[in-house]
Amino acid sequence: MTISLLDHARSLINKLEYEAALQFITRIPEDERDIDMHLECLLECGQTEEAATLLRNIPDKTSKQHMALAQLETGKQAVEEYQKGIQKTQDINEITDANCAIAEIWLTDLW
């Protein structure tokens, strides 16, 4: 049953029906959910606090998950998440984007 819920949620996401997909995702047991899919739906539905909570509770985040959490945080917390993401990636574009975001935070929030 879980696989069919996950497949149905993916199908809805492909149709850009994020709210409907989110209803299916939340019915999947937490340990079997696709975290990135869940995150995408939360963000597309404007549920940023729920998305931040989901990301904060991931014990071993990927670089992309650190970067996503950094965008939802402010000030020093955002900078710390970007730095953690930079440490976990080899993608020059991710590193460049993160460094630009850090510079912007320092110029606007931490000056």
PDB file of N, CA and C in Angstrom:
ATOM      1  N   MET A   1       0.826  -1.208   0.000  1.00  0.00           N
ATOM      2  CA  MET A   1       0.000   0.000   0.000  1.00  0.00           C
ATOM      3  C   MET A   1       0.863   1.262   0.000  1.00  0.00           C
ATOM      4  N   THR A   2       1.968   1.237   0.748  1.00  0.00           N
ATOM      5  CA  THR A   2       2.839   2.403   0.814  1.00  0.00           C
ATOM      6  C   THR A   2       3.369   2.769  -0.561  1.00  0.00           C
ATOM      7  N   ILE A   3       3.760   1.785  -1.337  1.00  0.00           N
ATOM      8  CA  ILE A   3       4.310   2.067  -2.666  1.00  0.00           C
ATOM      9  C   ILE A   3       3.265   2.737  -3.539  1.00  0.00           C
ATOM     10  N   SER A   4       2.037   2.306  -3.467  1.00  0.00           N
ATOM     11  CA  SER A   4       1.010   2.926  -4.294  1.00  0.00           C
ATOM     12  C   SER A   4       0.735   4.369  -3.853  1.00  0.00           C
ATOM     13  N   LEU A   5       0.792   4.640  -2.552  1.00  0.00           N
ATOM     14  CA  LEU A   5       0.621   6.022  -2.084  1.00  0.00           C
ATOM     15  C   LEU A   5       1.768   6.897  -2.588  1.00  0.00           C
ATOM     16  N   LEU A   6       2.981   6.367  -2.526  1.00  0.00           N
ATOM     17  CA  LEU A   6       4.147   7.109  -2.984  1.00  0.00           C
ATOM     18  C   LEU A   6       4.081   7.358  -4.488  1.00  0.00           C
ATOM     19  N   ASP A   7       3.708   6.336  -5.237  1.00  0.00           N
ATOM     20  CA  ASP A   7       3.570   6.496  -6.696  1.00  0.00           C
ATOM     21  C   ASP A   7       2.483   7.499  -7.043  1.00  0.00           C
ATOM     22  N   HIS A   8       1.384   7.453  -6.309  1.00  0.00           N
ATOM     23  CA  HIS A   8       0.290   8.403  -6.571  1.00  0.00           C
ATOM     24  C   HIS A   8       0.741   9.828  -6.241  1.00  0.00           C
ATOM     25  N   ALA A   9       1.473   9.989  -5.151  1.00  0.00           N
ATOM     26  CA  ALA A   9       1.979  11.311  -4.794  1.00  0.00           C
ATOM     27  C   ALA A   9       2.918  11.833  -5.882  1.00  0.00           C
ATOM     28  N   ARG A  10       3.805  10.980  -6.390  1.00  0.00           N
ATOM     29  CA  ARG A  10       4.712  11.392  -7.470  1.00  0.00           C
ATOM     30  C   ARG A  10       3.932  11.822  -8.711  1.00  0.00           C
ATOM     31  N   SER A  11       2.907  11.072  -9.019  1.00  0.00           N
ATOM     32  CA  SER A  11       2.079  11.399 -10.174  1.00  0.00           C
ATOM     33  C   SER A  11       1.437  12.776 -10.010  1.00  0.00           C
ATOM     34  N   LEU A  12       0.944  13.062  -8.822  1.00  0.00           N
ATOM     35  CA  LEU A  12       0.331  14.366  -8.563  1.00  0.00           C
ATOM     36  C   LEU A  12       1.359  15.494  -8.626  1.00  0.00           C
ATOM     37  N   ILE A  13       2.566  15.231  -8.130  1.00  0.00           N
ATOM     38  CA  ILE A  13       3.628  16.245  -8.201  1.00  0.00           C
ATOM     39  C   ILE A  13       3.971  16.536  -9.658  1.00  0.00           C
ATOM     40  N   ASN A  14       4.030  15.503 -10.468  1.00  0.00           N
ATOM     41  CA  ASN A  14       4.311  15.704 -11.894  1.00  0.00           C
ATOM     42  C   ASN A  14       3.251  16.557 -12.567  1.00  0.00           C
ATOM     43  N   LYS A  15       2.037  16.554 -12.014  1.00  0.00           N
ATOM     44  CA  LYS A  15       0.948  17.384 -12.540  1.00  0.00           C
ATOM     45  C   LYS A  15       0.881  18.734 -11.820  1.00  0.00           C
ATOM     46  N   LEU A  16       1.871  18.994 -10.936  1.00  0.00           N
ATOM     47  CA  LEU A  16       1.946  20.226 -10.143  1.00  0.00           C
ATOM     48  C   LEU A  16       0.771  20.382  -9.170  1.00  0.00           C
ATOM     49  N   GLU A  17       0.219  19.273  -8.742  1.00  0.00           N
ATOM     50  CA  GLU A  17      -0.875  19.267  -7.767  1.00  0.00           C
ATOM     51  C   GLU A  17      -0.288  18.951  -6.393  1.00  0.00           C
ATOM     52  N   TYR A  18       0.437  19.943  -5.837  1.00  0.00           N
ATOM     53  CA  TYR A  18       1.209  19.730  -4.616  1.00  0.00           C
ATOM     54  C   TYR A  18       0.342  19.508  -3.379  1.00  0.00           C
ATOM     55  N   GLU A  19      -0.744  20.229  -3.273  1.00  0.00           N
ATOM     56  CA  GLU A  19      -1.596  20.054  -2.091  1.00  0.00           C
ATOM     57  C   GLU A  19      -2.203  18.653  -2.050  1.00  0.00           C
ATOM     58  N   ALA A  20      -2.638  18.158  -3.182  1.00  0.00           N
ATOM     59  CA  ALA A  20      -3.184  16.802  -3.242  1.00  0.00           C
ATOM     60  C   ALA A  20      -2.090  15.780  -2.958  1.00  0.00           C
ATOM     61  N   ALA A  21      -0.900  16.005  -3.503  1.00  0.00           N
ATOM     62  CA  ALA A  21       0.222  15.092  -3.253  1.00  0.00           C
ATOM     63  C   ALA A  21       0.582  15.063  -1.777  1.00  0.00           C
ATOM     64  N   LEU A  22       0.535  16.225  -1.136  1.00  0.00           N
ATOM     65  CA  LEU A  22       0.859  16.311   0.289  1.00  0.00           C
ATOM     66  C   LEU A  22      -0.100  15.469   1.131  1.00  0.00           C
ATOM     67  N   GLN A  23      -1.355  15.416   0.724  1.00  0.00           N
ATOM     68  CA  GLN A  23      -2.327  14.590   1.451  1.00  0.00           C
ATOM     69  C   GLN A  23      -1.944  13.109   1.390  1.00  0.00           C
ATOM     70  N   PHE A  24      -1.411  12.674   0.271  1.00  0.00           N
ATOM     71  CA  PHE A  24      -0.979  11.277   0.150  1.00  0.00           C
ATOM     72  C   PHE A  24       0.320  11.036   0.920  1.00  0.00           C
ATOM     73  N   ILE A  25       1.234  11.986   0.836  1.00  0.00           N
ATOM     74  CA  ILE A  25       2.526  11.829   1.512  1.00  0.00           C
ATOM     75  C   ILE A  25       2.338  11.704   3.016  1.00  0.00           C
ATOM     76  N   THR A  26       1.455  12.493   3.576  1.00  0.00           N
ATOM     77  CA  THR A  26       1.262  12.455   5.032  1.00  0.00           C
ATOM     78  C   THR A  26       0.604  11.152   5.486  1.00  0.00           C
ATOM     79  N   ARG A  27       0.044  10.401   4.568  1.00  0.00           N
ATOM     80  CA  ARG A  27      -0.542   9.095   4.916  1.00  0.00           C
ATOM     81  C   ARG A  27       0.494   7.973   4.893  1.00  0.00           C
ATOM     82  N   ILE A  28       1.678   8.254   4.358  1.00  0.00           N
ATOM     83  CA  ILE A  28       2.756   7.269   4.301  1.00  0.00           C
ATOM     84  C   ILE A  28       3.477   7.287   5.651  1.00  0.00           C
ATOM     85  N   PRO A  29       3.809   6.127   6.215  1.00  0.00           N
ATOM     86  CA  PRO A  29       4.567   6.113   7.478  1.00  0.00           C
ATOM     87  C   PRO A  29       5.848   6.930   7.350  1.00  0.00           C
ATOM     88  N   GLU A  30       6.194   7.676   8.405  1.00  0.00           N
ATOM     89  CA  GLU A  30       7.324   8.598   8.340  1.00  0.00           C
ATOM     90  C   GLU A  30       8.626   7.938   7.907  1.00  0.00           C
ATOM     91  N   ASP A  31       8.872   6.727   8.364  1.00  0.00           N
ATOM     92  CA  ASP A  31      10.140   6.073   8.034  1.00  0.00           C
ATOM     93  C   ASP A  31      10.192   5.585   6.582  1.00  0.00           C
ATOM     94  N   GLU A  32       9.082   5.684   5.859  1.00  0.00           N
ATOM     95  CA  GLU A  32       9.047   5.246   4.462  1.00  0.00           C
ATOM     96  C   GLU A  32       8.828   6.414   3.494  1.00  0.00           C
ATOM     97  N   ARG A  33       8.692   7.618   4.016  1.00  0.00           N
ATOM     98  CA  ARG A  33       8.456   8.778   3.152  1.00  0.00           C
ATOM     99  C   ARG A  33       9.714   9.177   2.398  1.00  0.00           C
ATOM    100  N   ASP A  34       9.506   9.758   1.235  1.00  0.00           N
ATOM    101  CA  ASP A  34      10.579  10.378   0.477  1.00  0.00           C
ATOM    102  C   ASP A  34      10.694  11.808   1.014  1.00  0.00           C
ATOM    103  N   ILE A  35      11.743  12.069   1.774  1.00  0.00           N
ATOM    104  CA  ILE A  35      11.878  13.352   2.462  1.00  0.00           C
ATOM    105  C   ILE A  35      11.916  14.517   1.478  1.00  0.00           C
ATOM    106  N   ASP A  36      12.665  14.364   0.392  1.00  0.00           N
ATOM    107  CA  ASP A  36      12.776  15.470  -0.561  1.00  0.00           C
ATOM    108  C   ASP A  36      11.448  15.757  -1.246  1.00  0.00           C
ATOM    109  N   MET A  37      10.683  14.709  -1.518  1.00  0.00           N
ATOM    110  CA  MET A  37       9.360  14.903  -2.109  1.00  0.00           C
ATOM    111  C   MET A  37       8.440  15.614  -1.112  1.00  0.00           C
ATOM    112  N   HIS A  38       8.486  15.195   0.139  1.00  0.00           N
ATOM    113  CA  HIS A  38       7.679  15.813   1.186  1.00  0.00           C
ATOM    114  C   HIS A  38       8.057  17.289   1.318  1.00  0.00           C
ATOM    115  N   LEU A  39       9.360  17.562   1.333  1.00  0.00           N
ATOM    116  CA  LEU A  39       9.854  18.930   1.436  1.00  0.00           C
ATOM    117  C   LEU A  39       9.370  19.783   0.268  1.00  0.00           C
ATOM    118  N   GLU A  40       9.480  19.253  -0.938  1.00  0.00           N
ATOM    119  CA  GLU A  40       9.043  19.981  -2.131  1.00  0.00           C
ATOM    120  C   GLU A  40       7.565  20.372  -2.019  1.00  0.00           C
ATOM    121  N   CYS A  41       6.743  19.440  -1.587  1.00  0.00           N
ATOM    122  CA  CYS A  41       5.308  19.721  -1.463  1.00  0.00           C
ATOM    123  C   CYS A  41       5.045  20.776  -0.392  1.00  0.00           C
ATOM    124  N   LEU A  42       5.714  20.663   0.744  1.00  0.00           N
ATOM    125  CA  LEU A  42       5.527  21.658   1.808  1.00  0.00           C
ATOM    126  C   LEU A  42       5.895  23.053   1.314  1.00  0.00           C
ATOM    127  N   LEU A  43       7.026  23.162   0.634  1.00  0.00           N
ATOM    128  CA  LEU A  43       7.461  24.471   0.145  1.00  0.00           C
ATOM    129  C   LEU A  43       6.524  25.022  -0.921  1.00  0.00           C
ATOM    130  N   GLU A  44       6.089  24.170  -1.835  1.00  0.00           N
ATOM    131  CA  GLU A  44       5.186  24.617  -2.893  1.00  0.00           C
ATOM    132  C   GLU A  44       3.825  25.024  -2.345  1.00  0.00           C
ATOM    133  N   CYS A  45       3.455  24.452  -1.199  1.00  0.00           N
ATOM    134  CA  CYS A  45       2.173  24.796  -0.565  1.00  0.00           C
ATOM    135  C   CYS A  45       2.315  25.970   0.406  1.00  0.00           C
ATOM    136  N   GLY A  46       3.520  26.523   0.504  1.00  0.00           N
ATOM    137  CA  GLY A  46       3.743  27.678   1.373  1.00  0.00           C
ATOM    138  C   GLY A  46       3.860  27.331   2.842  1.00  0.00           C
ATOM    139  N   GLN A  47       4.079  26.083   3.153  1.00  0.00           N
ATOM    140  CA  GLN A  47       4.190  25.650   4.546  1.00  0.00           C
ATOM    141  C   GLN A  47       5.663  25.652   4.957  1.00  0.00           C
ATOM    142  N   THR A  48       6.230  26.863   5.025  1.00  0.00           N
ATOM    143  CA  THR A  48       7.666  26.991   5.244  1.00  0.00           C
ATOM    144  C   THR A  48       8.094  26.567   6.649  1.00  0.00           C
ATOM    145  N   GLU A  49       7.301  26.847   7.649  1.00  0.00           N
ATOM    146  CA  GLU A  49       7.681  26.447   9.010  1.00  0.00           C
ATOM    147  C   GLU A  49       7.688  24.928   9.142  1.00  0.00           C
ATOM    148  N   GLU A  50       6.715  24.275   8.539  1.00  0.00           N
ATOM    149  CA  GLU A  50       6.680  22.811   8.554  1.00  0.00           C
ATOM    150  C   GLU A  50       7.883  22.240   7.797  1.00  0.00           C
ATOM    151  N   ALA A  51       8.237  22.887   6.689  1.00  0.00           N
ATOM    152  CA  ALA A  51       9.405  22.450   5.910  1.00  0.00           C
ATOM    153  C   ALA A  51      10.686  22.614   6.729  1.00  0.00           C
ATOM    154  N   ALA A  52      10.816  23.738   7.430  1.00  0.00           N
ATOM    155  CA  ALA A  52      11.999  23.968   8.264  1.00  0.00           C
ATOM    156  C   ALA A  52      12.077  22.937   9.384  1.00  0.00           C
ATOM    157  N   THR A  53      10.949  22.624   9.991  1.00  0.00           N
ATOM    158  CA  THR A  53      10.918  21.616  11.052  1.00  0.00           C
ATOM    159  C   THR A  53      11.335  20.257  10.506  1.00  0.00           C
ATOM    160  N   LEU A  54      10.815  19.903   9.348  1.00  0.00           N
ATOM    161  CA  LEU A  54      11.187  18.637   8.708  1.00  0.00           C
ATOM    162  C   LEU A  54      12.696  18.586   8.485  1.00  0.00           C
ATOM    163  N   LEU A  55      13.263  19.652   7.952  1.00  0.00           N
ATOM    164  CA  LEU A  55      14.700  19.689   7.681  1.00  0.00           C
ATOM    165  C   LEU A  55      15.530  19.651   8.960  1.00  0.00           C
ATOM    166  N   ARG A  56      15.094  20.383   9.979  1.00  0.00           N
ATOM    167  CA  ARG A  56      15.838  20.397  11.248  1.00  0.00           C
ATOM    168  C   ARG A  56      15.912  19.004  11.873  1.00  0.00           C
ATOM    169  N   ASN A  57      14.906  18.173  11.624  1.00  0.00           N
ATOM    170  CA  ASN A  57      14.839  16.853  12.246  1.00  0.00           C
ATOM    171  C   ASN A  57      15.566  15.761  11.464  1.00  0.00           C
ATOM    172  N   ILE A  58      16.169  16.099  10.349  1.00  0.00           N
ATOM    173  CA  ILE A  58      16.941  15.115   9.579  1.00  0.00           C
ATOM    174  C   ILE A  58      18.335  15.030  10.203  1.00  0.00           C
ATOM    175  N   PRO A  59      18.715  13.854  10.694  1.00  0.00           N
ATOM    176  CA  PRO A  59      19.998  13.755  11.400  1.00  0.00           C
ATOM    177  C   PRO A  59      21.233  13.943  10.516  1.00  0.00           C
ATOM    178  N   ASP A  60      21.245  13.399   9.326  1.00  0.00           N
ATOM    179  CA  ASP A  60      22.411  13.492   8.452  1.00  0.00           C
ATOM    180  C   ASP A  60      21.984  14.119   7.133  1.00  0.00           C
ATOM    181  N   LYS A  61      21.953  15.444   7.114  1.00  0.00           N
ATOM    182  CA  LYS A  61      21.454  16.165   5.944  1.00  0.00           C
ATOM    183  C   LYS A  61      22.432  16.086   4.767  1.00  0.00           C
ATOM    184  N   THR A  62      21.871  16.101   3.564  1.00  0.00           N
ATOM    185  CA  THR A  62      22.679  16.240   2.357  1.00  0.00           C
ATOM    186  C   THR A  62      23.016  17.724   2.180  1.00  0.00           C
ATOM    187  N   SER A  63      23.906  18.010   1.255  1.00  0.00           N
ATOM    188  CA  SER A  63      24.248  19.419   1.010  1.00  0.00           C
ATOM    189  C   SER A  63      23.016  20.206   0.572  1.00  0.00           C
ATOM    190  N   LYS A  64      22.197  19.602  -0.276  1.00  0.00           N
ATOM    191  CA  LYS A  64      20.985  20.300  -0.747  1.00  0.00           C
ATOM    192  C   LYS A  64      20.010  20.564   0.399  1.00  0.00           C
ATOM    193  N   GLN A  65      19.919  19.648   1.340  1.00  0.00           N
ATOM    194  CA  GLN A  65      19.033  19.845   2.484  1.00  0.00           C
ATOM    195  C   GLN A  65      19.563  20.948   3.395  1.00  0.00           C
ATOM    196  N   HIS A  66      20.884  21.025   3.558  1.00  0.00           N
ATOM    197  CA  HIS A  66      21.465  22.141   4.326  1.00  0.00           C
ATOM    198  C   HIS A  66      21.161  23.465   3.638  1.00  0.00           C
ATOM    199  N   MET A  67      21.313  23.485   2.322  1.00  0.00           N
ATOM    200  CA  MET A  67      21.064  24.716   1.561  1.00  0.00           C
ATOM    201  C   MET A  67      19.590  25.130   1.666  1.00  0.00           C
ATOM    202  N   ALA A  68      18.702  24.156   1.591  1.00  0.00           N
ATOM    203  CA  ALA A  68      17.273  24.458   1.697  1.00  0.00           C
ATOM    204  C   ALA A  68      16.945  25.005   3.073  1.00  0.00           C
ATOM    205  N   LEU A  69      17.506  24.401   4.117  1.00  0.00           N
ATOM    206  CA  LEU A  69      17.254  24.889   5.471  1.00  0.00           C
ATOM    207  C   LEU A  69      17.831  26.285   5.652  1.00  0.00           C
ATOM    208  N   ALA A  70      18.987  26.535   5.060  1.00  0.00           N
ATOM    209  CA  ALA A  70      19.594  27.864   5.156  1.00  0.00           C
ATOM    210  C   ALA A  70      18.664  28.934   4.590  1.00  0.00           C
ATOM    211  N   GLN A  71      17.969  28.604   3.517  1.00  0.00           N
ATOM    212  CA  GLN A  71      17.050  29.571   2.916  1.00  0.00           C
ATOM    213  C   GLN A  71      15.847  29.845   3.809  1.00  0.00           C
ATOM    214  N   LEU A  72      15.543  28.936   4.708  1.00  0.00           N
ATOM    215  CA  LEU A  72      14.397  29.109   5.602  1.00  0.00           C
ATOM    216  C   LEU A  72      14.788  29.733   6.942  1.00  0.00           C
ATOM    217  N   GLU A  73      16.096  29.764   7.223  1.00  0.00           N
ATOM    218  CA  GLU A  73      16.595  30.342   8.464  1.00  0.00           C
ATOM    219  C   GLU A  73      16.968  31.804   8.229  1.00  0.00           C
ATOM    220  N   THR A  74      17.360  32.479   9.298  1.00  0.00           N
ATOM    221  CA  THR A  74      17.809  33.866   9.193  1.00  0.00           C
ATOM    222  C   THR A  74      19.127  34.034   9.938  1.00  0.00           C
ATOM    223  N   GLY A  75      19.828  35.092   9.619  1.00  0.00           N
ATOM    224  CA  GLY A  75      21.033  35.468  10.344  1.00  0.00           C
ATOM    225  C   GLY A  75      22.083  34.382  10.441  1.00  0.00           C
ATOM    226  N   LYS A  76      22.642  34.247  11.636  1.00  0.00           N
ATOM    227  CA  LYS A  76      23.749  33.312  11.854  1.00  0.00           C
ATOM    228  C   LYS A  76      23.355  31.865  11.602  1.00  0.00           C
ATOM    229  N   GLN A  77      22.109  31.504  11.911  1.00  0.00           N
ATOM    230  CA  GLN A  77      21.663  30.125  11.656  1.00  0.00           C
ATOM    231  C   GLN A  77      21.711  29.817  10.160  1.00  0.00           C
ATOM    232  N   ALA A  78      21.311  30.782   9.349  1.00  0.00           N
ATOM    233  CA  ALA A  78      21.346  30.590   7.898  1.00  0.00           C
ATOM    234  C   ALA A  78      22.785  30.435   7.419  1.00  0.00           C
ATOM    235  N   VAL A  79      23.673  31.283   7.906  1.00  0.00           N
ATOM    236  CA  VAL A  79      25.083  31.208   7.519  1.00  0.00           C
ATOM    237  C   VAL A  79      25.663  29.850   7.895  1.00  0.00           C
ATOM    238  N   GLU A  80      25.356  29.377   9.101  1.00  0.00           N
ATOM    239  CA  GLU A  80      25.872  28.078   9.549  1.00  0.00           C
ATOM    240  C   GLU A  80      25.388  26.943   8.651  1.00  0.00           C
ATOM    241  N   GLU A  81      24.126  26.977   8.253  1.00  0.00           N
ATOM    242  CA  GLU A  81      23.600  25.926   7.377  1.00  0.00           C
ATOM    243  C   GLU A  81      24.248  25.980   5.997  1.00  0.00           C
ATOM    244  N   TYR A  82      24.443  27.194   5.470  1.00  0.00           N
ATOM    245  CA  TYR A  82      25.131  27.309   4.178  1.00  0.00           C
ATOM    246  C   TYR A  82      26.546  26.739   4.282  1.00  0.00           C
ATOM    247  N   GLN A  83      27.249  27.055   5.374  1.00  0.00           N
ATOM    248  CA  GLN A  83      28.614  26.555   5.543  1.00  0.00           C
ATOM    249  C   GLN A  83      28.643  25.031   5.634  1.00  0.00           C
ATOM    250  N   LYS A  84      27.678  24.442   6.330  1.00  0.00           N
ATOM    251  CA  LYS A  84      27.600  22.982   6.409  1.00  0.00           C
ATOM    252  C   LYS A  84      27.333  22.385   5.029  1.00  0.00           C
ATOM    253  N   GLY A  85      26.470  23.039   4.261  1.00  0.00           N
ATOM    254  CA  GLY A  85      26.184  22.576   2.907  1.00  0.00           C
ATOM    255  C   GLY A  85      27.406  22.657   2.015  1.00  0.00           C
ATOM    256  N   ILE A  86      28.173  23.740   2.148  1.00  0.00           N
ATOM    257  CA  ILE A  86      29.399  23.907   1.359  1.00  0.00           C
ATOM    258  C   ILE A  86      30.381  22.780   1.665  1.00  0.00           C
ATOM    259  N   GLN A  87      30.486  22.413   2.926  1.00  0.00           N
ATOM    260  CA  GLN A  87      31.422  21.355   3.327  1.00  0.00           C
ATOM    261  C   GLN A  87      31.050  19.997   2.740  1.00  0.00           C
ATOM    262  N   LYS A  88      29.774  19.797   2.421  1.00  0.00           N
ATOM    263  CA  LYS A  88      29.314  18.487   1.949  1.00  0.00           C
ATOM    264  C   LYS A  88      29.193  18.380   0.427  1.00  0.00           C
ATOM    265  N   THR A  89      29.513  19.437  -0.286  1.00  0.00           N
ATOM    266  CA  THR A  89      29.319  19.377  -1.739  1.00  0.00           C
ATOM    267  C   THR A  89      30.622  19.601  -2.499  1.00  0.00           C
ATOM    268  N   GLN A  90      30.662  19.078  -3.701  1.00  0.00           N
ATOM    269  CA  GLN A  90      31.763  19.323  -4.628  1.00  0.00           C
ATOM    270  C   GLN A  90      31.273  20.156  -5.816  1.00  0.00           C
ATOM    271  N   ASP A  91      29.968  20.463  -5.830  1.00  0.00           N
ATOM    272  CA  ASP A  91      29.353  21.189  -6.940  1.00  0.00           C
ATOM    273  C   ASP A  91      29.712  22.671  -6.846  1.00  0.00           C
ATOM    274  N   ILE A  92      30.487  23.142  -7.797  1.00  0.00           N
ATOM    275  CA  ILE A  92      30.958  24.526  -7.780  1.00  0.00           C
ATOM    276  C   ILE A  92      29.805  25.521  -7.825  1.00  0.00           C
ATOM    277  N   ASN A  93      28.727  25.173  -8.513  1.00  0.00           N
ATOM    278  CA  ASN A  93      27.576  26.081  -8.571  1.00  0.00           C
ATOM    279  C   ASN A  93      26.911  26.210  -7.206  1.00  0.00           C
ATOM    280  N   GLU A  94      26.768  25.096  -6.484  1.00  0.00           N
ATOM    281  CA  GLU A  94      26.199  25.147  -5.133  1.00  0.00           C
ATOM    282  C   GLU A  94      27.092  25.976  -4.208  1.00  0.00           C
ATOM    283  N   ILE A  95      28.397  25.770  -4.321  1.00  0.00           N
ATOM    284  CA  ILE A  95      29.342  26.511  -3.478  1.00  0.00           C
ATOM    285  C   ILE A  95      29.263  28.006  -3.765  1.00  0.00           C
ATOM    286  N   THR A  96      29.225  28.352  -5.049  1.00  0.00           N
ATOM    287  CA  THR A  96      29.139  29.762  -5.447  1.00  0.00           C
ATOM    288  C   THR A  96      27.832  30.387  -4.961  1.00  0.00           C
ATOM    289  N   ASP A  97      26.719  29.697  -5.179  1.00  0.00           N
ATOM    290  CA  ASP A  97      25.420  30.217  -4.740  1.00  0.00           C
ATOM    291  C   ASP A  97      25.395  30.418  -3.229  1.00  0.00           C
ATOM    292  N   ALA A  98      25.934  29.444  -2.498  1.00  0.00           N
ATOM    293  CA  ALA A  98      25.940  29.532  -1.040  1.00  0.00           C
ATOM    294  C   ALA A  98      26.807  30.698  -0.565  1.00  0.00           C
ATOM    295  N   ASN A  99      27.962  30.871  -1.178  1.00  0.00           N
ATOM    296  CA  ASN A  99      28.830  31.982  -0.773  1.00  0.00           C
ATOM    297  C   ASN A  99      28.200  33.335  -1.076  1.00  0.00           C
ATOM    298  N   CYS A 100      27.497  33.439  -2.192  1.00  0.00           N
ATOM    299  CA  CYS A 100      26.778  34.681  -2.509  1.00  0.00           C
ATOM    300  C   CYS A 100      25.677  34.938  -1.487  1.00  0.00           C
ATOM    301  N   ALA A 101      24.963  33.882  -1.102  1.00  0.00           N
ATOM    302  CA  ALA A 101      23.897  34.027  -0.106  1.00  0.00           C
ATOM    303  C   ALA A 101      24.471  34.445   1.245  1.00  0.00           C
ATOM    304  N   ILE A 102      25.624  33.874   1.618  1.00  0.00           N
ATOM    305  CA  ILE A 102      26.274  34.254   2.877  1.00  0.00           C
ATOM    306  C   ILE A 102      26.673  35.726   2.844  1.00  0.00           C
ATOM    307  N   ALA A 103      27.243  36.162   1.739  1.00  0.00           N
ATOM    308  CA  ALA A 103      27.632  37.568   1.608  1.00  0.00           C
ATOM    309  C   ALA A 103      26.416  38.481   1.735  1.00  0.00           C
ATOM    310  N   GLU A 104      25.320  38.086   1.113  1.00  0.00           N
ATOM    311  CA  GLU A 104      24.093  38.888   1.190  1.00  0.00           C
ATOM    312  C   GLU A 104      23.570  38.962   2.625  1.00  0.00           C
ATOM    313  N   ILE A 105      23.626  37.838   3.334  1.00  0.00           N
ATOM    314  CA  ILE A 105      23.176  37.829   4.732  1.00  0.00           C
ATOM    315  C   ILE A 105      24.040  38.768   5.566  1.00  0.00           C
ATOM    316  N   TRP A 106      25.351  38.710   5.361  1.00  0.00           N
ATOM    317  CA  TRP A 106      26.233  39.588   6.120  1.00  0.00           C
ATOM    318  C   TRP A 106      25.968  41.057   5.789  1.00  0.00           C
ATOM    319  N   LEU A 107      25.666  41.363   4.533  1.00  0.00           N
ATOM    320  CA  LEU A 107      25.431  42.759   4.154  1.00  0.00           C
ATOM    321  C   LEU A 107      24.081  43.282   4.624  1.00  0.00           C
ATOM    322  N   THR A 108      23.105  42.394   4.781  1.00  0.00           N
ATOM    323  CA  THR A 108      21.752  42.859   5.123  1.00  0.00           C
ATOM    324  C   THR A 108      21.368  42.584   6.577  1.00  0.00           C
ATOM    325  N   ASP A 109      21.737  41.429   7.114  1.00  0.00           N
ATOM    326  CA  ASP A 109      21.257  41.037   8.442  1.00  0.00           C
ATOM    327  C   ASP A 109      22.302  41.148   9.543  1.00  0.00           C
ATOM    328  N   LEU A 110      23.554  40.912   9.211  1.00  0.00           N
ATOM    329  CA  LEU A 110      24.567  40.799  10.260  1.00  0.00           C
ATOM    330  C   LEU A 110      25.570  41.940  10.271  1.00  0.00           C
ATOM    331  N   TRP A 111      25.341  42.964   9.492  1.00  0.00           N
ATOM    332  CA  TRP A 111      26.262  44.106   9.381  1.00  0.00           C
ATOM    333  C   TRP A 111      26.409  44.813  10.672  1.00  0.00           C
TER     334      TRP A 111
END
